[in-house]
Each structure stands twice: as C-alpha cells, then as structure tokens.
C-alpha cells in the first residue's frame, strides 16, 4: 500500500463494530476477557526491555481479540521496537 493513502474500512460491522464507541468497547473487552491479559494497555508506557517480536492473529475481535491483546499489552509495557514488519496477503 502506498504511503499517504488511507483505505476505507473493508469489514466494519462484520469482523469488528462499525461504530466508534462499540469498537472501543470491543477492544477493551478483548484486553479484559478471561483469555486476554486481564488489564488494559498502559498509555505512554515503555520500560527498559526491548520488544523482540510478535505474531499477532487478526481474525476479528470476536475470534482472536483476547489472544492478540496479549501482544499489544506487552508492547505497551516495553520499549517500542526499532523496526516493524507486516506479513499478510494483499487484497
């Protein structure tokens, strides 16, 4: 995807809620779910430890949100990675 181009949400209302308030609640519920980390990410966090790497599922919040929340919580308490790489199919 070219830099500066913003793609419209393709699955709003299907794999995740289309309304902002419902989306925020779904994300928070993923963190607080029994299979999630049990707490919300730390805003402005970042400890001394580096993030090494994460493989994060993205099947939709109702399917993989709590599992994905573990990686995002960990990122909130560690120092931001120097590099990022996405590995996903392009539409």
N, C-alpha and C. Protein backbone atom coordinates (compact mmCIF):
# COMPACT_ATOMS: atom_id res chain seq x y z
N UNK A 1 0.85 -1.16 0.00
CA UNK A 1 0.00 0.00 0.00
C UNK A 1 0.90 1.24 0.00
N UNK A 2 0.59 2.19 -0.81
CA UNK A 2 1.38 3.41 -0.92
C UNK A 2 1.23 4.28 0.33
N UNK A 3 2.31 4.94 0.68
CA UNK A 3 2.29 5.84 1.84
C UNK A 3 1.37 7.02 1.54
N UNK A 4 0.57 7.41 2.53
CA UNK A 4 -0.31 8.56 2.37
C UNK A 4 -1.71 8.21 1.88
N UNK A 5 -1.92 6.98 1.46
CA UNK A 5 -3.24 6.56 1.01
C UNK A 5 -3.95 5.90 2.19
N UNK A 6 -5.15 6.35 2.48
CA UNK A 6 -5.94 5.77 3.57
C UNK A 6 -7.06 4.95 2.95
N UNK A 7 -7.03 3.65 3.23
CA UNK A 7 -8.03 2.74 2.71
C UNK A 7 -9.26 2.77 3.62
N UNK A 8 -10.43 2.77 3.03
CA UNK A 8 -11.67 2.73 3.81
C UNK A 8 -11.79 1.35 4.46
N UNK A 9 -12.39 1.29 5.67
CA UNK A 9 -12.54 0.00 6.34
C UNK A 9 -13.37 -0.96 5.50
N UNK A 10 -12.82 -2.13 5.23
CA UNK A 10 -13.49 -3.10 4.37
C UNK A 10 -14.48 -3.98 5.13
N UNK A 11 -14.26 -4.16 6.43
CA UNK A 11 -15.08 -5.11 7.17
C UNK A 11 -15.77 -4.51 8.39
N UNK A 12 -15.88 -3.18 8.44
CA UNK A 12 -16.57 -2.54 9.57
C UNK A 12 -17.99 -3.07 9.65
N UNK A 13 -18.37 -3.50 10.83
CA UNK A 13 -19.71 -4.04 11.02
C UNK A 13 -19.79 -5.54 10.83
N UNK A 14 -18.70 -6.18 10.40
CA UNK A 14 -18.70 -7.64 10.26
C UNK A 14 -17.73 -8.27 11.24
N UNK A 15 -16.42 -8.10 11.02
CA UNK A 15 -15.42 -8.68 11.91
C UNK A 15 -15.12 -7.76 13.09
N UNK A 16 -15.55 -6.55 13.03
CA UNK A 16 -15.42 -5.60 14.14
C UNK A 16 -16.55 -4.58 14.00
N UNK A 17 -16.93 -3.94 15.13
CA UNK A 17 -18.04 -2.99 15.08
C UNK A 17 -17.75 -1.78 14.18
N UNK A 18 -18.78 -1.24 13.60
CA UNK A 18 -18.63 -0.08 12.71
C UNK A 18 -18.72 1.25 13.47
N UNK A 19 -19.31 1.24 14.66
CA UNK A 19 -19.44 2.48 15.43
C UNK A 19 -18.26 2.62 16.40
N UNK A 20 -17.74 3.83 16.50
CA UNK A 20 -16.55 4.10 17.30
C UNK A 20 -16.67 3.60 18.74
N UNK A 21 -17.76 3.94 19.41
CA UNK A 21 -17.94 3.56 20.81
C UNK A 21 -17.98 2.05 20.98
N UNK A 22 -18.65 1.37 20.05
CA UNK A 22 -18.73 -0.09 20.12
C UNK A 22 -17.38 -0.72 19.84
N UNK A 23 -16.61 -0.11 18.93
CA UNK A 23 -15.27 -0.61 18.60
C UNK A 23 -14.35 -0.49 19.82
N UNK A 24 -14.38 0.67 20.49
CA UNK A 24 -13.55 0.87 21.68
C UNK A 24 -13.92 -0.17 22.74
N UNK A 25 -15.21 -0.40 22.94
CA UNK A 25 -15.65 -1.39 23.94
C UNK A 25 -15.19 -2.79 23.56
N UNK A 26 -15.26 -3.14 22.29
CA UNK A 26 -14.82 -4.47 21.84
C UNK A 26 -13.32 -4.66 22.08
N UNK A 27 -12.55 -3.62 21.83
CA UNK A 27 -11.10 -3.70 22.06
C UNK A 27 -10.82 -3.83 23.56
N UNK A 28 -11.48 -3.00 24.37
CA UNK A 28 -11.30 -3.10 25.82
C UNK A 28 -11.72 -4.47 26.34
N UNK A 29 -12.83 -4.99 25.82
CA UNK A 29 -13.30 -6.32 26.23
C UNK A 29 -12.28 -7.40 25.88
N UNK A 30 -11.56 -7.23 24.77
CA UNK A 30 -10.52 -8.19 24.39
C UNK A 30 -9.40 -8.23 25.44
N UNK A 31 -9.03 -7.06 25.95
CA UNK A 31 -7.99 -6.99 26.97
C UNK A 31 -8.46 -7.57 28.30
N UNK A 32 -9.74 -7.36 28.64
CA UNK A 32 -10.27 -7.76 29.94
C UNK A 32 -10.88 -9.16 29.94
N UNK A 33 -10.96 -9.78 28.78
CA UNK A 33 -11.53 -11.13 28.62
C UNK A 33 -10.69 -12.15 29.41
N UNK A 34 -11.30 -13.25 29.89
CA UNK A 34 -10.54 -14.27 30.61
C UNK A 34 -9.33 -14.83 29.83
N UNK A 35 -9.40 -14.84 28.50
CA UNK A 35 -8.27 -15.30 27.69
C UNK A 35 -7.31 -14.17 27.32
N UNK A 36 -7.68 -12.94 27.67
CA UNK A 36 -6.83 -11.79 27.41
C UNK A 36 -5.89 -11.55 28.58
N UNK A 37 -5.13 -10.45 28.54
CA UNK A 37 -4.18 -10.17 29.62
C UNK A 37 -4.83 -9.77 30.94
N UNK A 38 -6.12 -9.42 30.93
CA UNK A 38 -6.82 -9.10 32.17
C UNK A 38 -6.71 -7.65 32.59
N UNK A 39 -6.05 -6.84 31.78
CA UNK A 39 -5.93 -5.40 32.08
C UNK A 39 -5.73 -4.64 30.78
N UNK A 40 -6.03 -3.35 30.82
CA UNK A 40 -5.89 -2.50 29.64
C UNK A 40 -4.43 -2.12 29.46
N UNK A 41 -4.02 -1.82 28.22
CA UNK A 41 -2.63 -1.43 27.99
C UNK A 41 -2.30 -0.13 28.72
N UNK A 42 -1.02 0.05 29.00
CA UNK A 42 -0.54 1.23 29.70
C UNK A 42 -0.29 2.34 28.68
N UNK A 43 -0.98 3.46 28.86
CA UNK A 43 -0.79 4.59 27.94
C UNK A 43 0.53 5.26 28.25
N UNK A 44 1.31 5.48 27.21
CA UNK A 44 2.60 6.13 27.39
C UNK A 44 3.61 5.25 28.09
N UNK A 45 3.33 3.94 28.12
CA UNK A 45 4.23 3.01 28.80
C UNK A 45 5.54 2.89 28.06
N UNK A 46 6.27 1.92 28.37
CA UNK A 46 7.54 1.69 27.72
C UNK A 46 8.63 1.52 28.75
N UNK A 47 8.97 0.30 29.01
CA UNK A 47 10.00 0.02 30.00
C UNK A 47 11.37 -0.06 29.37
N UNK A 48 12.27 -0.70 30.08
CA UNK A 48 13.64 -0.84 29.62
C UNK A 48 13.81 -1.99 28.63
N UNK A 49 12.97 -3.01 28.76
CA UNK A 49 13.11 -4.18 27.90
C UNK A 49 12.64 -3.87 26.48
N UNK A 50 13.39 -4.41 25.52
CA UNK A 50 13.00 -4.27 24.11
C UNK A 50 11.94 -5.31 23.77
N UNK A 51 11.09 -4.97 22.82
CA UNK A 51 10.18 -5.95 22.24
C UNK A 51 10.99 -6.75 21.23
N UNK A 52 10.89 -8.06 21.30
CA UNK A 52 11.67 -8.90 20.39
C UNK A 52 10.87 -9.18 19.12
N UNK A 53 9.67 -9.66 19.27
CA UNK A 53 8.86 -9.95 18.10
C UNK A 53 7.53 -10.55 18.51
N UNK A 54 6.55 -10.36 17.69
CA UNK A 54 5.21 -10.86 17.98
C UNK A 54 4.60 -11.39 16.69
N UNK A 55 3.84 -12.44 16.83
CA UNK A 55 2.97 -12.91 15.75
C UNK A 55 1.57 -12.75 16.30
N UNK A 56 0.81 -11.83 15.69
CA UNK A 56 -0.49 -11.46 16.24
C UNK A 56 -1.61 -11.90 15.30
N UNK A 57 -2.56 -12.69 15.82
CA UNK A 57 -3.69 -13.09 14.98
C UNK A 57 -4.58 -11.90 14.68
N UNK A 58 -5.27 -11.96 13.56
CA UNK A 58 -6.16 -10.86 13.19
C UNK A 58 -7.41 -11.39 12.48
N UNK A 59 -8.07 -12.34 13.13
CA UNK A 59 -9.24 -12.96 12.53
C UNK A 59 -10.54 -12.24 12.85
N UNK A 60 -10.48 -11.17 13.57
CA UNK A 60 -11.69 -10.48 14.02
C UNK A 60 -11.69 -10.51 15.54
N UNK A 61 -12.12 -9.41 16.16
CA UNK A 61 -12.05 -9.31 17.62
C UNK A 61 -12.80 -10.44 18.31
N UNK A 62 -13.93 -10.86 17.77
CA UNK A 62 -14.71 -11.90 18.44
C UNK A 62 -14.01 -13.25 18.40
N UNK A 63 -13.09 -13.43 17.45
CA UNK A 63 -12.38 -14.71 17.33
C UNK A 63 -11.01 -14.67 18.00
N UNK A 64 -10.22 -13.65 17.75
CA UNK A 64 -8.84 -13.65 18.22
C UNK A 64 -8.45 -12.42 19.03
N UNK A 65 -9.39 -11.55 19.33
CA UNK A 65 -9.08 -10.33 20.06
C UNK A 65 -8.37 -10.54 21.39
N UNK A 66 -8.88 -11.44 22.26
CA UNK A 66 -8.21 -11.63 23.54
C UNK A 66 -6.78 -12.16 23.40
N UNK A 67 -6.53 -13.03 22.43
CA UNK A 67 -5.18 -13.55 22.23
C UNK A 67 -4.27 -12.44 21.68
N UNK A 68 -4.76 -11.68 20.72
CA UNK A 68 -3.97 -10.57 20.16
C UNK A 68 -3.68 -9.52 21.23
N UNK A 69 -4.61 -9.33 22.17
CA UNK A 69 -4.44 -8.32 23.21
C UNK A 69 -3.19 -8.57 24.06
N UNK A 70 -2.79 -9.83 24.20
CA UNK A 70 -1.56 -10.12 24.96
C UNK A 70 -0.36 -9.44 24.32
N UNK A 71 -0.24 -9.52 23.00
CA UNK A 71 0.90 -8.88 22.32
C UNK A 71 0.83 -7.37 22.46
N UNK A 72 -0.34 -6.80 22.29
CA UNK A 72 -0.47 -5.34 22.37
C UNK A 72 -0.26 -4.84 23.79
N UNK A 73 -0.67 -5.63 24.79
CA UNK A 73 -0.39 -5.24 26.17
C UNK A 73 1.13 -5.25 26.40
N UNK A 74 1.79 -6.30 25.95
CA UNK A 74 3.23 -6.41 26.13
C UNK A 74 3.94 -5.24 25.46
N UNK A 75 3.48 -4.87 24.27
CA UNK A 75 4.07 -3.71 23.59
C UNK A 75 3.89 -2.43 24.40
N UNK A 76 2.81 -2.34 25.18
CA UNK A 76 2.55 -1.13 25.94
C UNK A 76 3.49 -0.99 27.15
N UNK A 77 4.08 -2.08 27.60
CA UNK A 77 4.95 -2.01 28.77
C UNK A 77 6.44 -2.16 28.41
N UNK A 78 6.73 -2.37 27.15
CA UNK A 78 8.13 -2.49 26.72
C UNK A 78 8.51 -1.31 25.84
N UNK A 79 9.79 -1.17 25.61
CA UNK A 79 10.26 -0.13 24.71
C UNK A 79 9.83 -0.47 23.30
N UNK A 80 9.44 0.55 22.54
CA UNK A 80 8.95 0.33 21.19
C UNK A 80 10.04 -0.31 20.32
N UNK A 81 9.64 -1.23 19.44
CA UNK A 81 10.64 -1.85 18.55
C UNK A 81 11.20 -0.83 17.56
N UNK A 82 12.43 -1.05 17.16
CA UNK A 82 13.05 -0.16 16.19
C UNK A 82 12.52 -0.39 14.78
N UNK A 83 12.11 -1.63 14.51
CA UNK A 83 11.60 -1.97 13.19
C UNK A 83 10.28 -2.72 13.33
N UNK A 84 9.48 -2.63 12.27
CA UNK A 84 8.20 -3.32 12.22
C UNK A 84 8.05 -3.94 10.86
N UNK A 85 7.50 -5.15 10.81
CA UNK A 85 7.28 -5.83 9.54
C UNK A 85 5.92 -6.49 9.58
N UNK A 86 5.14 -6.29 8.54
CA UNK A 86 3.85 -6.95 8.40
C UNK A 86 3.99 -8.06 7.38
N UNK A 87 3.39 -9.18 7.69
CA UNK A 87 3.36 -10.28 6.74
C UNK A 87 1.90 -10.70 6.59
N UNK A 88 1.30 -10.26 5.50
CA UNK A 88 -0.11 -10.53 5.28
C UNK A 88 -0.40 -10.52 3.79
N UNK A 89 -1.44 -11.20 3.41
CA UNK A 89 -1.81 -11.17 1.98
C UNK A 89 -2.40 -9.82 1.61
N UNK A 90 -2.13 -9.36 0.45
CA UNK A 90 -2.71 -8.11 -0.05
C UNK A 90 -4.00 -8.45 -0.79
N UNK A 91 -5.02 -7.60 -0.64
CA UNK A 91 -6.30 -7.88 -1.34
C UNK A 91 -6.18 -7.73 -2.84
